[in-house]
Structures are given as C-alpha cells and as structure tokens.
PDB file of N, CA and C in Angstrom:
ATOM      1  N   MET A   1      19.501  24.155  27.100  1.00  0.00           N
ATOM      2  CA  MET A   1      19.963  25.216  25.900  1.00  0.00           C
ATOM      3  C   MET A   1      21.564  25.558  26.143  1.00  0.00           C
ATOM      4  N   LYS A   2      22.622  25.584  25.309  1.00  0.00           N
ATOM      5  CA  LYS A   2      23.893  25.613  25.625  1.00  0.00           C
ATOM      6  C   LYS A   2      24.122  27.150  26.074  1.00  0.00           C
ATOM      7  N   ASP A   3      25.031  27.302  26.545  1.00  0.00           N
ATOM      8  CA  ASP A   3      25.719  28.788  26.852  1.00  0.00           C
ATOM      9  C   ASP A   3      25.476  29.578  25.890  1.00  0.00           C
ATOM     10  N   GLU A   4      26.332  29.226  24.870  1.00  0.00           N
ATOM     11  CA  GLU A   4      26.624  29.971  23.495  1.00  0.00           C
ATOM     12  C   GLU A   4      25.284  30.657  22.949  1.00  0.00           C
ATOM     13  N   ARG A   5      23.973  29.795  22.866  1.00  0.00           N
ATOM     14  CA  ARG A   5      22.690  29.890  22.312  1.00  0.00           C
ATOM     15  C   ARG A   5      22.106  30.799  23.257  1.00  0.00           C
ATOM     16  N   LEU A   6      22.442  30.577  24.611  1.00  0.00           N
ATOM     17  CA  LEU A   6      21.672  31.603  25.563  1.00  0.00           C
ATOM     18  C   LEU A   6      21.686  33.159  25.499  1.00  0.00           C
ATOM     19  N   VAL A   7      23.608  33.153  25.136  1.00  0.00           N
ATOM     20  CA  VAL A   7      23.816  34.355  25.032  1.00  0.00           C
ATOM     21  C   VAL A   7      23.047  34.904  23.758  1.00  0.00           C
ATOM     22  N   GLU A   8      23.025  34.572  22.827  1.00  0.00           N
ATOM     23  CA  GLU A   8      22.241  34.819  21.545  1.00  0.00           C
ATOM     24  C   GLU A   8      20.739  35.322  21.867  1.00  0.00           C
ATOM     25  N   SER A   9      20.241  34.272  22.666  1.00  0.00           N
ATOM     26  CA  SER A   9      18.947  34.554  23.057  1.00  0.00           C
ATOM     27  C   SER A   9      18.706  35.911  23.775  1.00  0.00           C
ATOM     28  N   LEU A  10      19.772  36.197  24.780  1.00  0.00           N
ATOM     29  CA  LEU A  10      19.677  37.087  25.669  1.00  0.00           C
ATOM     30  C   LEU A  10      20.169  38.399  24.847  1.00  0.00           C
ATOM     31  N   GLU A  11      20.755  38.496  24.222  1.00  0.00           N
ATOM     32  CA  GLU A  11      21.232  39.646  23.184  1.00  0.00           C
ATOM     33  C   GLU A  11      19.773  40.106  22.497  1.00  0.00           C
ATOM     34  N   GLU A  12      18.980  39.004  21.921  1.00  0.00           N
ATOM     35  CA  GLU A  12      17.986  39.364  20.954  1.00  0.00           C
ATOM     36  C   GLU A  12      16.893  40.115  21.947  1.00  0.00           C
ATOM     37  N   VAL A  13      16.877  39.580  23.388  1.00  0.00           N
ATOM     38  CA  VAL A  13      15.676  40.053  24.186  1.00  0.00           C
ATOM     39  C   VAL A  13      16.112  41.583  24.581  1.00  0.00           C
ATOM     40  N   ALA A  14      17.369  41.510  24.743  1.00  0.00           N
ATOM     41  CA  ALA A  14      18.198  43.222  25.068  1.00  0.00           C
ATOM     42  C   ALA A  14      17.696  44.016  23.835  1.00  0.00           C
ATOM     43  N   ALA A  15      17.938  43.380  22.688  1.00  0.00           N
ATOM     44  CA  ALA A  15      17.377  44.322  21.302  1.00  0.00           C
ATOM     45  C   ALA A  15      16.180  44.782  21.118  1.00  0.00           C
ATOM     46  N   SER A  16      15.165  43.667  21.691  1.00  0.00           N
ATOM     47  CA  SER A  16      14.014  43.901  21.860  1.00  0.00           C
ATOM     48  C   SER A  16      13.465  45.213  22.602  1.00  0.00           C
ATOM     49  N   LEU A  17      14.244  45.379  23.376  1.00  0.00           N
ATOM     50  CA  LEU A  17      14.129  46.308  24.714  1.00  0.00           C
ATOM     51  C   LEU A  17      14.527  47.700  24.273  1.00  0.00           C
ATOM     52  N   GLY A  18      15.537  47.739  23.017  1.00  0.00           N
ATOM     53  CA  GLY A  18      16.184  48.713  22.681  1.00  0.00           C
ATOM     54  C   GLY A  18      17.350  49.161  23.273  1.00  0.00           C
ATOM     55  N   VAL A  19      18.091  47.819  23.886  1.00  0.00           N
ATOM     56  CA  VAL A  19      19.385  47.933  24.571  1.00  0.00           C
ATOM     57  C   VAL A  19      20.342  47.148  23.878  1.00  0.00           C
ATOM     58  N   LYS A  20      21.374  48.232  23.479  1.00  0.00           N
ATOM     59  CA  LYS A  20      22.243  47.546  22.817  1.00  0.00           C
ATOM     60  C   LYS A  20      23.550  46.864  23.595  1.00  0.00           C
ATOM     61  N   VAL A  21      24.023  45.658  23.035  1.00  0.00           N
ATOM     62  CA  VAL A  21      24.912  45.034  23.855  1.00  0.00           C
ATOM     63  C   VAL A  21      26.155  45.050  23.052  1.00  0.00           C
ATOM     64  N   ASN A  22      27.271  45.632  23.771  1.00  0.00           N
ATOM     65  CA  ASN A  22      28.611  45.895  23.231  1.00  0.00           C
ATOM     66  C   ASN A  22      29.504  44.825  23.989  1.00  0.00           C
ATOM     67  N   TYR A  23      30.641  44.319  23.195  1.00  0.00           N
ATOM     68  CA  TYR A  23      31.594  43.252  23.783  1.00  0.00           C
ATOM     69  C   TYR A  23      32.891  43.965  23.783  1.00  0.00           C
ATOM     70  N   GLU A  24      33.502  44.508  24.908  1.00  0.00           N
ATOM     71  CA  GLU A  24      34.560  45.124  24.830  1.00  0.00           C
ATOM     72  C   GLU A  24      35.752  44.574  25.911  1.00  0.00           C
ATOM     73  N   LYS A  25      37.068  44.946  25.336  1.00  0.00           N
ATOM     74  CA  LYS A  25      37.735  44.440  26.660  1.00  0.00           C
ATOM     75  C   LYS A  25      37.889  45.792  27.616  1.00  0.00           C
ATOM     76  N   ILE A  26      37.719  45.142  28.804  1.00  0.00           N
ATOM     77  CA  ILE A  26      37.323  46.065  29.938  1.00  0.00           C
ATOM     78  C   ILE A  26      38.817  46.334  30.768  1.00  0.00           C
ATOM     79  N   ARG A  27      39.496  47.414  30.539  1.00  0.00           N
ATOM     80  CA  ARG A  27      40.419  47.349  31.365  1.00  0.00           C
ATOM     81  C   ARG A  27      40.610  47.273  33.054  1.00  0.00           C
ATOM     82  N   LYS A  28      41.498  46.661  33.455  1.00  0.00           N
ATOM     83  CA  LYS A  28      41.478  46.014  34.840  1.00  0.00           C
ATOM     84  C   LYS A  28      41.947  47.691  35.697  1.00  0.00           C
ATOM     85  N   MET A  29      41.104  48.279  36.269  1.00  0.00           N
ATOM     86  CA  MET A  29      41.490  49.487  37.176  1.00  0.00           C
ATOM     87  C   MET A  29      41.448  49.054  38.670  1.00  0.00           C
ATOM     88  N   THR A  30      41.108  47.710  39.236  1.00  0.00           N
ATOM     89  CA  THR A  30      40.864  47.432  40.622  1.00  0.00           C
ATOM     90  C   THR A  30      41.549  46.029  40.470  1.00  0.00           C
ATOM     91  N   ALA A  31      41.708  45.720  41.981  1.00  0.00           N
ATOM     92  CA  ALA A  31      42.182  44.232  42.056  1.00  0.00           C
ATOM     93  C   ALA A  31      41.216  43.343  41.485  1.00  0.00           C
ATOM     94  N   ARG A  32      40.461  43.848  41.291  1.00  0.00           N
ATOM     95  CA  ARG A  32      39.257  42.262  40.642  1.00  0.00           C
ATOM     96  C   ARG A  32      38.935  43.052  39.066  1.00  0.00           C
ATOM     97  N   GLN A  33      38.851  41.976  38.043  1.00  0.00           N
ATOM     98  CA  GLN A  33      38.595  42.471  36.668  1.00  0.00           C
ATOM     99  C   GLN A  33      37.077  42.456  36.643  1.00  0.00           C
ATOM    100  N   PRO A  34      36.678  43.659  36.097  1.00  0.00           N
ATOM    101  CA  PRO A  34      35.361  43.727  35.947  1.00  0.00           C
ATOM    102  C   PRO A  34      34.787  43.079  34.931  1.00  0.00           C
ATOM    103  N   ARG A  35      33.444  42.737  34.944  1.00  0.00           N
ATOM    104  CA  ARG A  35      32.638  41.740  33.937  1.00  0.00           C
ATOM    105  C   ARG A  35      31.796  42.530  33.003  1.00  0.00           C
ATOM    106  N   GLY A  36      31.363  43.731  33.465  1.00  0.00           N
ATOM    107  CA  GLY A  36      30.686  44.818  32.522  1.00  0.00           C
ATOM    108  C   GLY A  36      29.267  44.737  33.476  1.00  0.00           C
ATOM    109  N   GLY A  37      28.113  45.189  32.734  1.00  0.00           N
ATOM    110  CA  GLY A  37      26.904  45.314  33.167  1.00  0.00           C
ATOM    111  C   GLY A  37      26.098  46.594  32.255  1.00  0.00           C
ATOM    112  N   PHE A  38      25.278  46.809  32.903  1.00  0.00           N
ATOM    113  CA  PHE A  38      24.299  47.774  32.006  1.00  0.00           C
ATOM    114  C   PHE A  38      24.777  49.554  32.624  1.00  0.00           C
ATOM    115  N   CYS A  39      24.487  50.130  31.473  1.00  0.00           N
ATOM    116  CA  CYS A  39      24.753  51.641  31.771  1.00  0.00           C
ATOM    117  C   CYS A  39      24.254  52.396  30.671  1.00  0.00           C
ATOM    118  N   ILE A  40      24.372  53.829  30.508  1.00  0.00           N
ATOM    119  CA  ILE A  40      23.737  54.664  29.911  1.00  0.00           C
ATOM    120  C   ILE A  40      24.846  55.245  29.256  1.00  0.00           C
ATOM    121  N   VAL A  41      25.087  55.186  27.879  1.00  0.00           N
ATOM    122  CA  VAL A  41      26.287  55.781  27.184  1.00  0.00           C
ATOM    123  C   VAL A  41      25.586  56.736  25.945  1.00  0.00           C
ATOM    124  N   LYS A  42      25.622  58.168  26.247  1.00  0.00           N
ATOM    125  CA  LYS A  42      25.163  59.296  25.393  1.00  0.00           C
ATOM    126  C   LYS A  42      23.491  59.040  25.508  1.00  0.00           C
ATOM    127  N   GLY A  43      22.926  58.790  26.734  1.00  0.00           N
ATOM    128  CA  GLY A  43      21.516  58.889  26.668  1.00  0.00           C
ATOM    129  C   GLY A  43      20.841  57.329  26.108  1.00  0.00           C
ATOM    130  N   GLU A  44      21.713  56.436  25.827  1.00  0.00           N
ATOM    131  CA  GLU A  44      21.201  55.348  25.337  1.00  0.00           C
ATOM    132  C   GLU A  44      21.286  54.315  26.268  1.00  0.00           C
ATOM    133  N   PRO A  45      20.495  53.174  26.357  1.00  0.00           N
ATOM    134  CA  PRO A  45      20.836  52.082  27.328  1.00  0.00           C
ATOM    135  C   PRO A  45      21.547  51.183  26.662  1.00  0.00           C
ATOM    136  N   ARG A  46      22.504  50.536  27.309  1.00  0.00           N
ATOM    137  CA  ARG A  46      23.682  49.634  27.049  1.00  0.00           C
ATOM    138  C   ARG A  46      24.259  48.683  27.838  1.00  0.00           C
ATOM    139  N   ILE A  47      24.527  47.707  27.638  1.00  0.00           N
ATOM    140  CA  ILE A  47      24.851  46.392  28.234  1.00  0.00           C
ATOM    141  C   ILE A  47      26.364  46.332  27.681  1.00  0.00           C
ATOM    142  N   ILE A  48      27.241  46.489  28.628  1.00  0.00           N
ATOM    143  CA  ILE A  48      28.608  46.367  28.168  1.00  0.00           C
ATOM    144  C   ILE A  48      29.399  45.019  28.826  1.00  0.00           C
ATOM    145  N   VAL A  49      29.918  44.080  27.889  1.00  0.00           N
ATOM    146  CA  VAL A  49      30.498  42.692  28.301  1.00  0.00           C
ATOM    147  C   VAL A  49      31.865  42.736  28.258  1.00  0.00           C
ATOM    148  N   HIS A  50      32.526  42.254  29.413  1.00  0.00           N
ATOM    149  CA  HIS A  50      34.047  41.931  28.910  1.00  0.00           C
ATOM    150  C   HIS A  50      34.112  40.841  28.111  1.00  0.00           C
ATOM    151  N   ARG A  51      34.834  41.309  26.993  1.00  0.00           N
ATOM    152  CA  ARG A  51      34.984  40.521  25.923  1.00  0.00           C
ATOM    153  C   ARG A  51      35.356  39.034  26.140  1.00  0.00           C
ATOM    154  N   PRO A  52      36.836  38.912  26.888  1.00  0.00           N
ATOM    155  CA  PRO A  52      37.395  37.665  27.441  1.00  0.00           C
ATOM    156  C   PRO A  52      36.630  36.628  27.987  1.00  0.00           C
ATOM    157  N   LEU A  53      35.349  36.977  28.575  1.00  0.00           N
ATOM    158  CA  LEU A  53      34.648  36.381  29.536  1.00  0.00           C
ATOM    159  C   LEU A  53      34.093  34.972  28.913  1.00  0.00           C
ATOM    160  N   GLY A  54      34.279  34.012  29.528  1.00  0.00           N
ATOM    161  CA  GLY A  54      33.324  32.747  28.973  1.00  0.00           C
ATOM    162  C   GLY A  54      31.583  32.710  28.639  1.00  0.00           C
ATOM    163  N   ALA A  55      31.261  31.885  28.020  1.00  0.00           N
ATOM    164  CA  ALA A  55      29.921  31.973  27.953  1.00  0.00           C
ATOM    165  C   ALA A  55      29.039  31.914  28.968  1.00  0.00           C
ATOM    166  N   SER A  56      29.198  31.200  30.029  1.00  0.00           N
ATOM    167  CA  SER A  56      28.583  31.212  31.256  1.00  0.00           C
ATOM    168  C   SER A  56      28.415  32.482  31.922  1.00  0.00           C
ATOM    169  N   GLU A  57      29.984  33.306  31.957  1.00  0.00           N
ATOM    170  CA  GLU A  57      29.995  34.385  32.418  1.00  0.00           C
ATOM    171  C   GLU A  57      29.181  35.531  31.604  1.00  0.00           C
ATOM    172  N   LYS A  58      29.237  35.343  30.658  1.00  0.00           N
ATOM    173  CA  LYS A  58      28.441  36.233  29.371  1.00  0.00           C
ATOM    174  C   LYS A  58      27.003  36.236  29.965  1.00  0.00           C
ATOM    175  N   VAL A  59      26.510  35.045  30.073  1.00  0.00           N
ATOM    176  CA  VAL A  59      25.096  34.802  30.382  1.00  0.00           C
ATOM    177  C   VAL A  59      24.670  35.474  31.737  1.00  0.00           C
ATOM    178  N   GLN A  60      25.624  35.650  32.635  1.00  0.00           N
ATOM    179  CA  GLN A  60      25.393  36.120  34.000  1.00  0.00           C
ATOM    180  C   GLN A  60      25.427  37.353  33.983  1.00  0.00           C
ATOM    181  N   VAL A  61      26.222  38.118  33.345  1.00  0.00           N
ATOM    182  CA  VAL A  61      26.443  39.690  33.075  1.00  0.00           C
ATOM    183  C   VAL A  61      25.116  40.200  32.258  1.00  0.00           C
ATOM    184  N   LEU A  62      24.692  39.442  31.255  1.00  0.00           N
ATOM    185  CA  LEU A  62      23.252  39.795  30.315  1.00  0.00           C
ATOM    186  C   LEU A  62      22.203  39.655  31.462  1.00  0.00           C
ATOM    187  N   ILE A  63      22.232  38.595  32.072  1.00  0.00           N
ATOM    188  CA  ILE A  63      20.854  38.141  32.926  1.00  0.00           C
ATOM    189  C   ILE A  63      20.629  39.350  33.988  1.00  0.00           C
ATOM    190  N   GLU A  64      21.923  39.622  34.751  1.00  0.00           N
ATOM    191  CA  GLU A  64      21.794  40.828  35.902  1.00  0.00           C
ATOM    192  C   GLU A  64      21.603  41.973  35.227  1.00  0.00           C
ATOM    193  N   SER A  65      21.907  42.424  34.044  1.00  0.00           N
ATOM    194  CA  SER A  65      21.795  43.773  33.479  1.00  0.00           C
ATOM    195  C   SER A  65      20.504  43.780  32.851  1.00  0.00           C
ATOM    196  N   LEU A  66      19.432  42.711  32.517  1.00  0.00           N
ATOM    197  CA  LEU A  66      18.405  42.797  32.207  1.00  0.00           C
ATOM    198  C   LEU A  66      17.144  42.801  33.120  1.00  0.00           C
ATOM    199  N   GLN A  67      17.601  42.468  34.288  1.00  0.00           N
ATOM    200  CA  GLN A  67      16.788  42.105  35.553  1.00  0.00           C
ATOM    201  C   GLN A  67      15.977  43.452  35.883  1.00  0.00           C
ATOM    202  N   GLY A  68      16.622  44.253  35.762  1.00  0.00           N
ATOM    203  CA  GLY A  68      15.688  45.460  35.867  1.00  0.00           C
ATOM    204  C   GLY A  68      14.491  46.064  34.978  1.00  0.00           C
ATOM    205  N   TYR A  69      14.502  45.392  33.973  1.00  0.00           N
ATOM    206  CA  TYR A  69      13.470  45.324  33.112  1.00  0.00           C
ATOM    207  C   TYR A  69      12.102  44.721  33.424  1.00  0.00           C
ATOM    208  N   ASP A  70      11.025  45.166  32.752  1.00  0.00           N
ATOM    209  CA  ASP A  70       9.760  44.431  32.975  1.00  0.00           C
ATOM    210  C   ASP A  70       9.709  43.212  31.811  1.00  0.00           C
ATOM    211  N   LEU A  71      10.230  42.171  32.377  1.00  0.00           N
ATOM    212  CA  LEU A  71       9.980  41.119  30.957  1.00  0.00           C
ATOM    213  C   LEU A  71       9.134  40.259  30.639  1.00  0.00           C
ATOM    214  N   GLU A  72       7.664  40.411  31.593  1.00  0.00           N
ATOM    215  CA  GLU A  72       6.388  39.884  31.624  1.00  0.00           C
ATOM    216  C   GLU A  72       6.085  39.719  30.106  1.00  0.00           C
ATOM    217  N   ASN A  73       6.111  40.861  29.105  1.00  0.00           N
ATOM    218  CA  ASN A  73       5.446  40.910  27.905  1.00  0.00           C
ATOM    219  C   ASN A  73       6.345  40.774  26.736  1.00  0.00           C
ATOM    220  N   VAL A  74       7.682  40.623  27.168  1.00  0.00           N
ATOM    221  CA  VAL A  74       8.828  40.249  26.082  1.00  0.00           C
ATOM    222  C   VAL A  74       8.844  38.815  25.620  1.00  0.00           C
ATOM    223  N   PHE A  75       8.607  38.586  24.412  1.00  0.00           N
ATOM    224  CA  PHE A  75       8.794  37.143  23.915  1.00  0.00           C
ATOM    225  C   PHE A  75      10.275  36.717  23.841  1.00  0.00           C
ATOM    226  N   MET A  76      10.219  35.615  24.352  1.00  0.00           N
ATOM    227  CA  MET A  76      11.271  34.871  24.507  1.00  0.00           C
ATOM    228  C   MET A  76      11.427  33.198  24.698  1.00  0.00           C
ATOM    229  N   PRO A  77      12.016  32.600  24.093  1.00  0.00           N
ATOM    230  CA  PRO A  77      12.022  30.990  24.278  1.00  0.00           C
ATOM    231  C   PRO A  77      11.889  30.926  25.534  1.00  0.00           C
ATOM    232  N   PRO A  78      10.941  29.842  26.036  1.00  0.00           N
ATOM    233  CA  PRO A  78      10.680  29.108  27.573  1.00  0.00           C
ATOM    234  C   PRO A  78      12.188  29.042  28.106  1.00  0.00           C
ATOM    235  N   GLU A  79      12.996  28.523  27.671  1.00  0.00           N
ATOM    236  CA  GLU A  79      14.469  27.923  28.284  1.00  0.00           C
ATOM    237  C   GLU A  79      15.018  29.246  28.749  1.00  0.00           C
ATOM    238  N   VAL A  80      15.047  30.514  27.884  1.00  0.00           N
ATOM    239  CA  VAL A  80      15.649  31.498  28.253  1.00  0.00           C
ATOM    240  C   VAL A  80      14.839  32.384  29.627  1.00  0.00           C
ATOM    241  N   ARG A  81      13.500  32.129  29.417  1.00  0.00           N
ATOM    242  CA  ARG A  81      12.700  33.085  30.669  1.00  0.00           C
ATOM    243  C   ARG A  81      12.896  31.969  31.779  1.00  0.00           C
ATOM    244  N   GLN A  82      13.057  30.624  31.506  1.00  0.00           N
ATOM    245  CA  GLN A  82      13.797  30.032  32.771  1.00  0.00           C
ATOM    246  C   GLN A  82      14.811  30.333  33.508  1.00  0.00           C
ATOM    247  N   ALA A  83      15.837  30.251  32.360  1.00  0.00           N
ATOM    248  CA  ALA A  83      17.053  30.908  32.722  1.00  0.00           C
ATOM    249  C   ALA A  83      17.130  32.177  33.518  1.00  0.00           C
ATOM    250  N   ILE A  84      16.444  33.310  33.155  1.00  0.00           N
ATOM    251  CA  ILE A  84      16.315  34.270  33.780  1.00  0.00           C
ATOM    252  C   ILE A  84      15.474  34.204  35.190  1.00  0.00           C
ATOM    253  N   GLU A  85      14.484  33.808  35.283  1.00  0.00           N
ATOM    254  CA  GLU A  85      13.679  33.457  36.326  1.00  0.00           C
ATOM    255  C   GLU A  85      14.588  32.597  37.578  1.00  0.00           C
ATOM    256  N   GLY A  86      15.080  31.669  36.894  1.00  0.00           N
ATOM    257  CA  GLY A  86      15.963  30.531  37.567  1.00  0.00           C
ATOM    258  C   GLY A  86      17.263  31.467  38.624  1.00  0.00           C
ATOM    259  N   ALA A  87      17.697  32.350  37.640  1.00  0.00           N
ATOM    260  CA  ALA A  87      18.933  33.048  38.201  1.00  0.00           C
ATOM    261  C   ALA A  87      18.437  34.105  39.066  1.00  0.00           C
ATOM    262  N   PHE A  88      17.036  34.564  39.169  1.00  0.00           N
ATOM    263  CA  PHE A  88      16.407  35.745  40.014  1.00  0.00           C
ATOM    264  C   PHE A  88      15.075  35.150  40.586  1.00  0.00           C
ATOM    265  N   PRO A  89      15.051  34.065  41.218  1.00  0.00           N
ATOM    266  CA  PRO A  89      13.759  33.416  41.647  1.00  0.00           C
ATOM    267  C   PRO A  89      12.720  34.669  42.184  1.00  0.00           C
ATOM    268  N   LEU A  90      13.502  35.490  43.141  1.00  0.00           N
ATOM    269  CA  LEU A  90      12.903  36.373  44.379  1.00  0.00           C
ATOM    270  C   LEU A  90      12.209  37.637  43.346  1.00  0.00           C
ATOM    271  N   LEU A  91      12.955  37.795  42.251  1.00  0.00           N
ATOM    272  CA  LEU A  91      12.375  39.034  41.526  1.00  0.00           C
ATOM    273  C   LEU A  91      10.936  38.631  40.875  1.00  0.00           C
ATOM    274  N   LYS A  92      10.560  37.384  40.316  1.00  0.00           N
ATOM    275  CA  LYS A  92       9.266  37.372  40.050  1.00  0.00           C
ATOM    276  C   LYS A  92       8.361  37.266  40.949  1.00  0.00           C
ATOM    277  N   ARG A  93       8.448  36.831  42.252  1.00  0.00           N
ATOM    278  CA  ARG A  93       7.850  36.709  43.499  1.00  0.00           C
ATOM    279  C   ARG A  93       7.568  38.373  43.924  1.00  0.00           C
ATOM    280  N   ALA A  94       8.593  38.902  43.871  1.00  0.00           N
ATOM    281  CA  ALA A  94       8.389  40.550  44.506  1.00  0.00           C
ATOM    282  C   ALA A  94       7.729  41.238  43.472  1.00  0.00           C
ATOM    283  N   SER A  95       7.787  41.131  42.318  1.00  0.00           N
ATOM    284  CA  SER A  95       7.051  41.945  41.263  1.00  0.00           C
ATOM    285  C   SER A  95       5.324  41.564  41.222  1.00  0.00           C
ATOM    286  N   SER A  96       5.175  40.254  41.637  1.00  0.00           N
ATOM    287  CA  SER A  96       3.681  39.931  41.545  1.00  0.00           C
ATOM    288  C   SER A  96       3.203  40.233  43.073  1.00  0.00           C
ATOM    289  N   GLU A  97       3.956  40.809  43.955  1.00  0.00           N
ATOM    290  CA  GLU A  97       3.076  40.952  45.354  1.00  0.00           C
ATOM    291  C   GLU A  97       2.732  42.341  45.249  1.00  0.00           C
TER     292      GLU A  97
END
C-alpha cells in the first residue's frame, strides 16, 4: 500500500475512534522541527500533524499517535493493521501477556 493511501486509511481508523486529525504548520520553537502527535484540545482527542511532512513521515506520526488505543476490535484493511503492528511489534506481544 502506498504511503498516501496508508495516510488516508489511518485517518479513517482515527475517525472511527473519535479522534480528529488536523494538518497544521507547526512553528519551530526548538532546534528540531516537531512532527506532531496526539493531544487533547478542549477535551477532545486530536492528532496534529505537521502539514509539510512527506507521506511516510505522516504515516509514522499517525501510527505513533494511535498506538495508545486498543485497536483489536477496530476494522481496518489488513495492510493497515500490518503497518501498525510492524511499526510496534512489541505492542501486540505486550498486550497479549
């Protein structure tokens, strides 16, 4: 699955969990440019992604932001589940122990 399609699928997973995904230009306040991540805005869960990132970096931010959720019963294409589990192979093993 191409990264652009994976971004769209991860956005759908986030939406099914009630998490809004926003793409914004994040101002650089440190030596390193922030990529974004999970946060709570006015009591609502949100993933904010630095708009200028490439598709593969957006995928990383989305996967990292979704890792705190129980995705066991969330429907997603097999390729998306493999991408999430491939990025965090220890996460699945730790949750089954």
